Amino acid sequence: MSEPLLVAVGDSPQYLLPQFANRHGLIAGATGTGKTVSLQVMAEGFSRIGVPVFAADVKGDLSGIAVAGTSNTKISDRINKLKLTDFSFSGCPVTFWDVFGEQGHPVRATVSEMGPLLFSRLLNLNDTQSGVLTLVFKIADDNGLLLLDLKDLQAMLQHVGDHTRDFQTQYGNISIASIGAIQRGLVGLQQQGADRFFGEPALNLDDLLQTDSKGQGVVNILAANKLLVSPTLYATLLLWLLSELFEQLPEVGDPEKPKLVFFFDEAHLLFNDLPNVLEQKIEQVIRLIRSKGIGVYFVTQNPIDVPEVVLGQLSNRVQHALRAFTPRDQKDVRAAAQTFRSNPKLDVESTITQLAVGEVLVSFLDEKGTPGMVDRALVCPPRSQIGPINLEQRQKIVQQSVVYGVYEKVVDRESAYERLQTRAQTQPAAASPSKVSPPSKTGSWLPDLGFPSSGGSRRGDSLAEAMAKSAVRAIGSSVGRQIVRGVLGSLMGGRQR
């Protein structure tokens, strides 16, 4: 059994038990109250017991976890006050990631992996536009067209828009206005730099689950300060990561420690203006992902930023100070106080507004898996550096990483864009929708590109020929789904292989 993680000390030491760390958690509090330090202390603890961590660094402060801290008056006083006799400064093994490839290894996903549901969220599409986008993905899948980067999706949208009449019988009406709205949204994404996120090599999630030679869990830090300029992209990226982890990892039940702990900073961005269908999917992922050994910890200013259904899944809680300057603030404080198991010795509602920096109300699951009574406590000082490291230190860590060189070079293999370009060059007459041949009975809409039909073998084929054609058809019908979609991206709500 892994050792408990000491996070804070109040009337008694407050330990986060590893066997219940996958029951999810919450770190909440107003700006400047010390949430990042609490996150850092918890991430260090997980790393020490061999649990990898993923955390988004929205302010750049978390990078200091990579190097050992140094003593100062405040830290010495806290160590003495909490009687931490075995305290020593040390850093954690760290891998830096960055969508833009500037402060870490590039993070990429393919358009196909993201899927139409998350793309609709990313583009803020209405129901009609979302339906059209789903059809475009379906047509690409049916015709074996890989959607890897944004130019693939743009080319596919143009192709469908140019041939709406020909797709109408099999797929239903396709609105040209919706096609145009989606294309404009993609142009906006490119201007925000999202085109750097979509492509290959896509992130291998196994690279987030590493330990070092000493058995310590690697802390994966996503540079998010620039990414937050596009908050929807930030939230969608982290949501995609969660859904992919949910889909790819096997069931493990309740392990003695998590496989990965995921810290979702600025969590309110995830739930802003969230469509009902996507909110339900998120609730499903949060509820079930713990059985995969993943602990999700939301970091936000106020607990009410998280929907009540999700909040009910967050069993390990660290509450920093909240401010109550207005009637709305006072209502929020009361709501936050009611989320804790009451302590007859503590007036939680009034205490929340009186907490000093680094002081928290804390409630973790006990040995029986029930929420402990809320306690007022001081957070332990981090063993690593508080505040960011410099650029030279960061670059050195990046270059020494085991994944250095894996993601740095973009790969642009043949996909939908190239196939449709070839089609346009070899069959210029097809530019006129009225001249396009009607679909074959097999349902193959792009026979000129060499995609196999989905029909059965013809009479007269030998057994070997029939088997060969069957294999080719299987490959052709699944090639568009080789880059598979998770529960939040799939056309059917589940992974297709």
Protein backbone atom coordinates (compact mmCIF):
# COMPACT_ATOMS: atom_id res chain seq x y z
CA MET A 1 0.00 0.00 0.00
CA SER A 2 1.36 3.42 -0.97
CA GLU A 3 2.07 5.92 1.78
CA PRO A 4 -0.58 8.61 2.45
CA LEU A 5 0.13 12.09 1.10
CA LEU A 6 0.41 14.78 3.74
CA VAL A 7 -1.18 17.90 2.23
CA ALA A 8 -2.00 20.11 5.23
CA VAL A 9 -1.98 20.16 9.02
CA GLY A 10 -4.78 21.46 11.22
CA ASP A 11 -6.12 19.97 14.43
CA SER A 12 -4.72 16.78 12.93
CA PRO A 13 -2.60 15.94 9.87
CA GLN A 14 -4.67 15.90 6.67
CA TYR A 15 -3.69 12.98 4.46
CA LEU A 16 -4.88 12.25 0.95
CA LEU A 17 -5.12 8.47 0.73
CA PRO A 18 -3.78 7.11 -2.62
CA GLN A 19 -6.35 4.30 -2.75
CA PHE A 20 -9.09 6.96 -2.88
CA ALA A 21 -7.28 9.55 -4.98
CA ASN A 22 -9.15 8.39 -8.09
CA ARG A 23 -12.41 9.55 -6.46
CA HIS A 24 -11.60 13.01 -7.88
CA GLY A 25 -11.23 16.29 -6.09
CA LEU A 26 -11.52 20.07 -6.02
CA ILE A 27 -9.16 22.93 -5.24
CA ALA A 28 -11.11 26.18 -4.99
CA GLY A 29 -10.47 29.72 -3.83
CA ALA A 30 -10.25 33.34 -4.87
CA THR A 31 -7.32 34.66 -6.91
CA GLY A 32 -4.13 34.98 -4.88
CA THR A 33 -5.14 32.65 -2.05
CA GLY A 34 -2.59 29.91 -2.85
CA LYS A 35 -4.38 27.40 -5.10
CA THR A 36 -1.28 26.86 -7.26
CA VAL A 37 0.85 25.98 -4.23
CA SER A 38 -1.78 23.48 -3.06
CA LEU A 39 -1.76 21.93 -6.53
CA GLN A 40 2.04 21.81 -6.45
CA VAL A 41 2.14 20.09 -3.05
CA MET A 42 -0.37 17.47 -4.18
CA ALA A 43 1.41 16.90 -7.51
CA GLU A 44 4.73 16.42 -5.68
CA GLY A 45 3.14 13.87 -3.38
CA PHE A 46 1.71 11.87 -6.24
CA SER A 47 5.03 11.95 -8.09
CA ARG A 48 6.91 10.65 -5.02
CA ILE A 49 4.71 7.54 -4.82
CA GLY A 50 5.10 6.81 -8.54
CA VAL A 51 1.90 8.36 -9.91
CA PRO A 52 2.24 10.43 -13.12
CA VAL A 53 0.53 13.81 -13.13
CA PHE A 54 -0.88 16.04 -15.85
CA ALA A 55 -1.44 19.72 -15.06
CA ALA A 56 -2.11 22.81 -17.13
CA ASP A 57 0.12 25.74 -16.11
CA VAL A 58 -2.05 28.77 -16.79
CA LYS A 59 0.24 31.37 -15.20
CA GLY A 60 3.67 29.80 -15.74
CA ASP A 61 4.20 29.39 -11.99
CA LEU A 62 4.06 25.61 -11.87
CA SER A 63 7.27 25.02 -13.83
CA GLY A 64 9.27 25.43 -10.61
CA ILE A 65 8.21 21.90 -9.62
CA ALA A 66 11.05 20.65 -11.84
CA VAL A 67 13.81 21.91 -9.50
CA ALA A 68 14.47 21.73 -5.78
CA GLY A 69 13.26 24.63 -3.68
CA THR A 70 15.35 26.75 -1.34
CA SER A 71 14.74 27.81 2.21
CA ASN A 72 13.52 31.23 3.27
CA THR A 73 11.99 32.68 6.41
CA LYS A 74 8.38 31.91 5.51
CA ILE A 75 9.09 28.32 4.52
CA SER A 76 11.22 27.71 7.61
CA ASP A 77 8.50 29.09 9.85
CA ARG A 78 5.88 26.88 8.17
CA ILE A 79 8.09 23.78 8.50
CA ASN A 80 8.63 24.45 12.21
CA LYS A 81 5.00 25.30 12.87
CA LEU A 82 3.77 22.09 11.25
CA LYS A 83 6.59 20.04 12.82
CA LEU A 84 7.67 18.50 9.53
CA THR A 85 10.71 16.58 10.77
CA ASP A 86 11.41 14.69 7.53
CA PHE A 87 11.12 17.66 5.16
CA SER A 88 13.76 18.06 2.43
CA PHE A 89 13.89 20.09 -0.77
CA SER A 90 13.67 18.20 -4.07
CA GLY A 91 12.34 18.58 -7.59
CA CYS A 92 10.19 16.21 -9.64
CA PRO A 93 10.80 14.63 -13.03
CA VAL A 94 8.96 16.86 -15.51
CA THR A 95 7.94 16.78 -19.16
CA PHE A 96 6.90 20.12 -20.64
CA TRP A 97 4.21 20.30 -23.35
CA ASP A 98 2.97 23.21 -25.45
CA VAL A 99 0.39 23.29 -28.24
CA PHE A 100 2.47 25.96 -29.96
CA GLY A 101 5.77 24.08 -29.49
CA GLU A 102 7.48 27.06 -27.88
CA GLN A 103 7.73 26.09 -24.20
CA GLY A 104 7.62 22.32 -24.54
CA HIS A 105 7.01 19.38 -26.83
CA PRO A 106 4.18 20.03 -29.32
CA VAL A 107 0.78 18.56 -28.47
CA ARG A 108 -1.31 17.47 -31.44
CA ALA A 109 -4.50 15.59 -32.16
CA THR A 110 -6.03 14.69 -35.49
CA VAL A 111 -9.33 16.16 -36.64
CA SER A 112 -10.74 12.63 -36.75
CA GLU A 113 -9.75 11.97 -33.14
CA MET A 114 -11.45 15.16 -32.02
CA GLY A 115 -14.67 14.19 -33.76
CA PRO A 116 -17.74 16.26 -34.70
CA LEU A 117 -19.14 16.71 -31.19
CA LEU A 118 -16.04 18.36 -29.74
CA PHE A 119 -15.46 20.28 -32.96
CA SER A 120 -18.98 21.68 -32.68
CA ARG A 121 -18.14 22.86 -29.18
CA LEU A 122 -14.88 24.35 -30.40
CA LEU A 123 -16.61 26.26 -33.21
CA ASN A 124 -19.65 27.18 -31.11
CA LEU A 125 -22.02 25.73 -33.71
CA ASN A 126 -25.80 25.61 -33.42
CA ASP A 127 -27.76 22.36 -33.74
CA THR A 128 -28.21 22.63 -37.51
CA GLN A 129 -24.54 23.38 -38.12
CA SER A 130 -23.50 20.56 -35.77
CA GLY A 131 -25.68 18.17 -37.72
CA VAL A 132 -24.06 19.19 -40.99
CA LEU A 133 -20.58 18.78 -39.51
CA THR A 134 -21.51 15.30 -38.28
CA LEU A 135 -22.62 14.38 -41.81
CA VAL A 136 -19.32 15.64 -43.24
CA PHE A 137 -17.41 13.37 -40.85
CA LYS A 138 -19.74 10.49 -41.76
CA ILE A 139 -19.20 11.01 -45.50
CA ALA A 140 -15.44 11.11 -44.97
CA ASP A 141 -15.58 7.87 -42.97
CA ASP A 142 -17.77 6.12 -45.53
CA ASN A 143 -15.32 6.99 -48.28
CA GLY A 144 -12.11 6.18 -46.41
CA LEU A 145 -10.92 9.80 -46.29
CA LEU A 146 -8.61 10.50 -43.37
CA LEU A 147 -9.24 13.81 -41.60
CA LEU A 148 -5.92 14.65 -39.99
CA ASP A 149 -5.45 18.42 -40.06
CA LEU A 150 -7.59 21.50 -40.68
CA LYS A 151 -6.93 21.59 -44.41
CA ASP A 152 -8.37 18.07 -44.65
CA LEU A 153 -11.57 19.20 -42.98
CA GLN A 154 -11.73 22.37 -45.09
CA ALA A 155 -11.29 20.35 -48.29
CA MET A 156 -13.97 17.88 -47.19
CA LEU A 157 -16.40 20.69 -46.38
CA GLN A 158 -15.80 22.24 -49.79
CA HIS A 159 -16.29 18.89 -51.53
CA VAL A 160 -19.56 18.22 -49.71
CA GLY A 161 -20.73 21.78 -50.36
CA ASP A 162 -20.00 21.41 -54.09
CA HIS A 163 -21.91 18.13 -54.31
CA THR A 164 -24.80 18.54 -51.87
CA ARG A 165 -27.35 17.27 -54.39
CA ASP A 166 -25.45 14.04 -54.85
CA PHE A 167 -25.20 13.33 -51.13
CA GLN A 168 -28.79 14.35 -50.41
CA THR A 169 -30.45 11.00 -51.09
CA GLN A 170 -28.24 8.97 -48.76
CA TYR A 171 -27.43 11.52 -46.06
CA GLY A 172 -30.29 14.03 -46.16
CA ASN A 173 -30.32 17.76 -46.79
CA ILE A 174 -27.06 19.59 -46.26
CA SER A 175 -27.26 23.35 -45.70
CA ILE A 176 -24.84 25.40 -47.78
CA ALA A 177 -25.19 28.22 -45.25
CA SER A 178 -24.06 25.86 -42.48
CA ILE A 179 -21.09 24.73 -44.58
CA GLY A 180 -20.11 28.38 -44.94
CA ALA A 181 -20.49 29.04 -41.21
CA ILE A 182 -18.26 26.08 -40.37
CA GLN A 183 -15.63 27.20 -42.89
CA ARG A 184 -15.60 30.69 -41.37
CA GLY A 185 -15.19 29.14 -37.93
CA LEU A 186 -12.20 27.14 -39.14
CA VAL A 187 -10.57 30.30 -40.49
CA GLY A 188 -11.02 31.87 -37.06
CA LEU A 189 -9.41 28.84 -35.43
CA GLN A 190 -6.41 29.14 -37.74
CA GLN A 191 -5.98 32.77 -36.76
CA GLN A 192 -5.88 31.70 -33.11
CA GLY A 193 -3.13 29.18 -33.89
CA ALA A 194 -5.31 26.08 -33.58
CA ASP A 195 -3.92 24.73 -36.86
CA ARG A 196 -0.76 23.87 -34.91
CA PHE A 197 -2.79 21.57 -32.68
CA PHE A 198 -4.39 19.51 -35.45
CA GLY A 199 -2.10 17.14 -37.29
CA GLU A 200 0.48 14.42 -36.81
CA PRO A 201 2.31 12.99 -35.02
CA ALA A 202 -0.61 12.94 -32.61
CA LEU A 203 0.01 12.69 -28.89
CA ASN A 204 0.55 9.14 -27.66
CA LEU A 205 -1.22 9.02 -24.29
CA ASP A 206 1.30 6.46 -23.03
CA ASP A 207 3.82 9.31 -22.97
CA LEU A 208 1.75 10.90 -20.17
CA LEU A 209 1.97 7.76 -18.02
CA GLN A 210 5.73 7.59 -17.47
CA THR A 211 7.89 7.13 -14.38
CA ASP A 212 11.59 7.90 -14.12
CA SER A 213 14.47 5.57 -13.24
CA LYS A 214 13.80 6.13 -9.52
CA GLY A 215 10.17 5.13 -9.83
CA GLN A 216 8.84 8.67 -9.45
CA GLY A 217 5.85 9.69 -11.52
CA VAL A 218 6.59 12.21 -14.27
CA VAL A 219 4.75 15.52 -13.90
CA ASN A 220 3.46 16.57 -17.33
CA ILE A 221 3.05 20.34 -17.49
CA LEU A 222 1.09 21.94 -20.33
CA ALA A 223 2.09 25.56 -20.97
CA ALA A 224 -1.34 27.21 -21.06
CA ASN A 225 -0.63 30.92 -20.58
CA LYS A 226 -0.78 31.56 -24.36
CA LEU A 227 -3.43 28.92 -24.90
CA LEU A 228 -5.83 30.75 -22.57
CA VAL A 229 -6.12 33.53 -25.16
CA SER A 230 -8.44 31.00 -26.82
CA PRO A 231 -10.28 29.61 -23.77
CA THR A 232 -12.58 27.36 -25.80
CA LEU A 233 -9.58 25.66 -27.43
CA TYR A 234 -7.98 25.24 -24.00
CA ALA A 235 -11.09 23.63 -22.52
CA THR A 236 -11.69 21.43 -25.57
CA LEU A 237 -8.09 20.21 -25.57
CA LEU A 238 -8.23 19.10 -21.94
CA LEU A 239 -11.67 17.60 -22.45
CA TRP A 240 -10.36 15.62 -25.42
CA LEU A 241 -7.46 14.33 -23.30
CA LEU A 242 -9.89 13.14 -20.64
CA SER A 243 -12.12 11.39 -23.15
CA GLU A 244 -9.15 9.69 -24.83
CA LEU A 245 -7.83 8.46 -21.47
CA PHE A 246 -11.29 7.14 -20.69
CA GLU A 247 -11.48 5.28 -24.00
CA GLN A 248 -7.95 3.89 -24.16
CA LEU A 249 -7.21 2.74 -20.61
CA PRO A 250 -8.49 -0.61 -19.34
CA GLU A 251 -10.76 -1.03 -16.34
CA VAL A 252 -8.80 -1.41 -13.09
CA GLY A 253 -11.51 -0.92 -10.46
CA ASP A 254 -10.09 0.67 -7.31
CA PRO A 255 -6.27 0.38 -7.48
CA GLU A 256 -4.02 1.07 -4.52
CA LYS A 257 -2.93 4.26 -6.28
CA PRO A 258 -4.05 6.06 -9.46
CA LYS A 259 -2.50 5.49 -12.90
CA LEU A 260 -2.64 9.25 -13.53
CA VAL A 261 -3.88 12.33 -11.74
CA PHE A 262 -5.27 15.07 -13.97
CA PHE A 263 -5.44 18.67 -12.69
CA PHE A 264 -7.87 20.84 -14.68
CA ASP A 265 -7.02 24.48 -13.88
CA GLU A 266 -9.47 27.29 -14.72
CA ALA A 267 -12.15 24.61 -14.67
CA HIS A 268 -14.98 27.13 -15.12
CA LEU A 269 -13.91 27.46 -18.78
CA LEU A 270 -14.96 23.86 -19.37
CA PHE A 271 -18.56 24.45 -18.32
CA ASN A 272 -19.20 27.93 -19.77
CA ASP A 273 -22.14 27.87 -22.23
CA LEU A 274 -21.91 24.11 -22.47
CA PRO A 275 -24.53 22.40 -24.68
CA ASN A 276 -26.68 19.90 -22.78
CA VAL A 277 -25.57 16.94 -24.89
CA LEU A 278 -21.92 17.64 -24.19
CA GLU A 279 -22.50 18.31 -20.49
CA GLN A 280 -24.12 14.90 -20.18
CA LYS A 281 -21.13 13.28 -21.89
CA ILE A 282 -18.73 15.07 -19.53
CA GLU A 283 -20.70 13.91 -16.52
CA GLN A 284 -20.51 10.37 -17.86
CA VAL A 285 -16.74 10.55 -18.32
CA ILE A 286 -16.14 12.03 -14.86
CA ARG A 287 -18.36 9.42 -13.24
CA LEU A 288 -16.76 6.45 -14.97
CA ILE A 289 -13.13 7.41 -15.52
CA ARG A 290 -12.19 6.65 -11.93
CA SER A 291 -12.63 2.95 -12.76
CA LYS A 292 -9.75 3.42 -15.24
CA GLY A 293 -7.49 4.60 -12.39
CA ILE A 294 -7.67 8.30 -13.32
CA GLY A 295 -8.20 10.96 -10.68
CA VAL A 296 -9.52 14.32 -11.93
CA TYR A 297 -8.99 17.43 -9.80
CA PHE A 298 -10.73 20.64 -10.79
CA VAL A 299 -9.02 23.91 -9.86
CA THR A 300 -11.31 26.94 -9.92
CA GLN A 301 -12.24 30.10 -8.04
CA ASN A 302 -15.56 28.89 -6.70
CA PRO A 303 -17.11 25.42 -6.27
CA ILE A 304 -20.31 26.60 -7.94
CA ASP A 305 -18.31 26.96 -11.19
CA VAL A 306 -18.69 23.17 -11.45
CA PRO A 307 -22.15 21.72 -12.24
CA GLU A 308 -23.82 20.11 -9.25
CA VAL A 309 -23.84 16.63 -10.81
CA VAL A 310 -20.07 16.80 -11.37
CA LEU A 311 -19.43 18.48 -8.01
CA GLY A 312 -21.06 15.53 -6.29
CA GLN A 313 -18.32 13.28 -7.74
CA LEU A 314 -15.49 15.33 -6.17
CA SER A 315 -14.71 13.66 -2.86
CA ASN A 316 -11.34 15.20 -1.91
CA ARG A 317 -11.64 18.95 -1.34
CA VAL A 318 -9.29 21.81 -0.57
CA GLN A 319 -11.03 25.15 -0.10
CA HIS A 320 -9.04 28.39 0.01
CA ALA A 321 -10.52 31.76 0.98
CA LEU A 322 -13.55 33.21 -0.80
CA ARG A 323 -14.53 36.87 -0.80
CA ALA A 324 -18.04 38.02 0.15
CA PHE A 325 -18.37 41.66 -0.91
CA THR A 326 -21.81 41.42 -2.55
CA PRO A 327 -25.06 39.53 -1.85
CA ARG A 328 -24.17 37.18 -4.73
CA ASP A 329 -20.76 36.51 -3.15
CA GLN A 330 -22.40 35.74 0.20
CA LYS A 331 -24.75 33.28 -1.49
CA ASP A 332 -21.77 31.58 -3.14
CA VAL A 333 -19.99 31.29 0.22
CA ARG A 334 -23.04 29.60 1.77
CA ALA A 335 -23.23 27.19 -1.17
CA ALA A 336 -19.51 26.34 -0.82
CA ALA A 337 -19.87 25.76 2.93
CA GLN A 338 -22.68 23.29 2.38
CA THR A 339 -20.48 21.02 0.25
CA PHE A 340 -18.43 19.95 3.30
CA ARG A 341 -19.21 17.40 5.99
CA SER A 342 -19.96 19.64 8.95
CA ASN A 343 -17.69 19.96 11.96
CA PRO A 344 -19.43 20.99 15.21
CA LYS A 345 -16.26 22.86 16.25
CA LEU A 346 -16.14 24.97 13.09
CA ASP A 347 -18.41 27.59 11.51
CA VAL A 348 -17.51 26.83 7.92
CA GLU A 349 -19.46 29.68 6.32
CA SER A 350 -17.72 32.42 8.30
CA THR A 351 -14.33 30.70 8.27
CA ILE A 352 -14.15 30.60 4.45
CA THR A 353 -13.95 34.38 4.31
CA GLN A 354 -11.33 34.58 7.07
CA LEU A 355 -8.71 32.18 5.70
CA ALA A 356 -5.24 33.62 5.19
CA VAL A 357 -3.06 32.85 2.16
CA GLY A 358 -1.97 29.20 2.36
CA GLU A 359 -4.71 28.40 4.86
CA VAL A 360 -7.50 26.06 3.79
CA LEU A 361 -10.59 24.13 4.73
CA VAL A 362 -9.88 20.54 3.84
CA SER A 363 -11.86 17.31 3.68
CA PHE A 364 -10.42 14.06 2.29
CA LEU A 365 -11.89 10.59 2.21
CA ASP A 366 -10.99 8.54 5.28
CA GLU A 367 -9.97 4.87 5.49
CA LYS A 368 -13.58 3.79 5.05
CA GLY A 369 -14.05 5.90 1.95
CA THR A 370 -16.34 8.43 3.63
CA PRO A 371 -15.71 12.21 3.62
CA GLY A 372 -13.80 13.36 6.67
CA MET A 373 -15.08 16.24 8.79
CA VAL A 374 -13.92 19.58 7.44
CA ASP A 375 -10.82 20.96 9.20
CA ARG A 376 -9.10 24.33 9.10
CA ALA A 377 -5.46 23.71 8.21
CA LEU A 378 -2.20 25.12 6.87
CA VAL A 379 -0.95 23.74 3.56
CA CYS A 380 2.48 22.11 3.75
CA PRO A 381 5.24 24.00 1.91
CA PRO A 382 6.28 22.52 -1.45
CA ARG A 383 9.64 20.78 -1.65
CA SER A 384 10.24 22.19 -5.11
CA GLN A 385 10.73 25.79 -6.19
CA ILE A 386 7.81 28.17 -5.76
CA GLY A 387 7.49 30.18 -8.96
CA PRO A 388 8.70 29.62 -12.51
CA ILE A 389 12.08 28.43 -13.72
CA ASN A 390 13.93 30.43 -16.36
CA LEU A 391 13.85 29.76 -20.10
CA GLU A 392 17.32 28.18 -20.15
CA GLN A 393 16.34 25.67 -17.46
CA ARG A 394 13.14 24.82 -19.30
CA GLN A 395 14.91 24.26 -22.63
CA LYS A 396 17.47 21.99 -20.98
CA ILE A 397 14.71 19.84 -19.47
CA VAL A 398 12.90 19.67 -22.82
CA GLN A 399 16.03 18.56 -24.67
CA GLN A 400 16.81 15.88 -22.07
CA SER A 401 13.31 14.44 -22.21
CA VAL A 402 12.84 10.86 -23.46
CA VAL A 403 10.24 12.12 -25.98
CA TYR A 404 12.48 14.84 -27.41
CA GLY A 405 12.45 14.59 -31.20
CA VAL A 406 9.28 12.49 -31.33
CA TYR A 407 6.83 15.36 -31.75
CA GLU A 408 9.00 18.21 -32.91
CA LYS A 409 8.69 17.54 -36.67
CA VAL A 410 5.27 17.72 -38.36
CA VAL A 411 4.26 14.73 -40.50
CA ASP A 412 1.89 15.45 -43.39
CA ARG A 413 0.88 12.14 -44.96
CA GLU A 414 -1.71 11.58 -47.67
CA SER A 415 -5.18 12.25 -46.38
CA ALA A 416 -8.47 13.86 -47.45
CA TYR A 417 -6.90 17.06 -48.81
CA GLU A 418 -4.44 15.25 -51.06
CA ARG A 419 -7.01 12.70 -52.28
CA LEU A 420 -9.55 15.37 -53.15
CA GLN A 421 -6.88 17.46 -54.86
CA THR A 422 -5.96 14.47 -56.99
CA ARG A 423 -9.61 13.92 -57.85
CA ALA A 424 -10.04 17.55 -58.92
CA GLN A 425 -6.97 17.37 -61.16
CA THR A 426 -7.86 14.06 -62.82
CA GLN A 427 -11.57 14.77 -63.30
CA PRO A 428 -12.12 18.47 -63.96
CA ALA A 429 -15.52 17.71 -65.42
CA ALA A 430 -16.74 16.64 -62.00
CA ALA A 431 -16.68 20.27 -60.85
CA SER A 432 -20.23 20.65 -62.15
CA PRO A 433 -22.64 18.94 -59.71
CA SER A 434 -25.10 18.23 -62.53
CA LYS A 435 -22.50 16.08 -64.30
CA VAL A 436 -21.61 13.95 -61.33
CA SER A 437 -22.71 10.36 -61.78
CA PRO A 438 -25.34 9.08 -59.38
CA PRO A 439 -24.10 6.98 -56.48
CA SER A 440 -23.57 3.33 -57.07
CA LYS A 441 -25.65 0.77 -55.22
CA THR A 442 -22.62 -0.02 -53.11
CA GLY A 443 -22.67 3.43 -51.51
CA SER A 444 -19.15 4.37 -52.64
CA TRP A 445 -19.21 8.06 -53.53
CA LEU A 446 -15.64 8.45 -54.72
CA PRO A 447 -14.89 5.45 -56.92
CA ASP A 448 -12.43 7.47 -58.99
CA LEU A 449 -10.10 7.70 -55.98
CA GLY A 450 -9.79 3.96 -55.79
CA PHE A 451 -11.85 3.45 -52.64
CA PRO A 452 -13.29 -0.06 -52.53
CA SER A 453 -17.02 -0.56 -52.62
CA SER A 454 -18.93 -1.99 -49.68
CA GLY A 455 -20.81 -4.55 -51.73
CA GLY A 456 -20.38 -8.30 -51.60
CA SER A 457 -18.26 -10.44 -53.89
CA ARG A 458 -19.67 -11.06 -57.36
CA ARG A 459 -20.84 -14.48 -58.55
CA GLY A 460 -17.96 -16.18 -60.26
CA ASP A 461 -15.25 -14.91 -57.90
CA SER A 462 -13.07 -17.67 -56.58
CA LEU A 463 -12.91 -18.22 -52.83
CA ALA A 464 -9.44 -16.66 -52.73
CA GLU A 465 -10.62 -13.67 -54.75
CA ALA A 466 -13.65 -13.23 -52.54
CA MET A 467 -11.52 -13.36 -49.39
CA ALA A 468 -9.03 -10.90 -50.86
CA LYS A 469 -11.77 -8.49 -51.86
CA SER A 470 -13.37 -8.86 -48.45
CA ALA A 471 -10.07 -7.91 -46.81
CA VAL A 472 -9.67 -4.92 -49.11
CA ARG A 473 -13.20 -3.79 -48.36
CA ALA A 474 -12.55 -4.10 -44.62
CA ILE A 475 -9.45 -1.96 -44.93
CA GLY A 476 -11.19 0.58 -47.13
CA SER A 477 -14.23 0.93 -44.89
CA SER A 478 -12.15 1.32 -41.74
CA VAL A 479 -9.28 3.48 -42.95
CA GLY A 480 -11.17 6.66 -42.10
CA ARG A 481 -11.53 5.33 -38.59
CA GLN A 482 -7.95 4.28 -37.99
CA ILE A 483 -7.61 7.56 -36.14
CA VAL A 484 -10.36 6.61 -33.72
CA ARG A 485 -12.70 8.85 -31.76
CA GLY A 486 -13.41 8.83 -28.05
CA VAL A 487 -16.71 8.94 -26.24
CA LEU A 488 -16.89 12.73 -26.69
CA GLY A 489 -15.93 12.66 -30.36
CA SER A 490 -17.47 9.57 -31.93
CA LEU A 491 -20.36 9.73 -34.33
CA MET A 492 -21.96 6.87 -32.42
CA GLY A 493 -20.88 7.85 -28.89
CA GLY A 494 -18.27 5.11 -28.55
CA ARG A 495 -14.95 3.99 -29.92
CA GLN A 496 -14.87 2.40 -33.35
CA ARG A 497 -11.94 0.24 -34.36
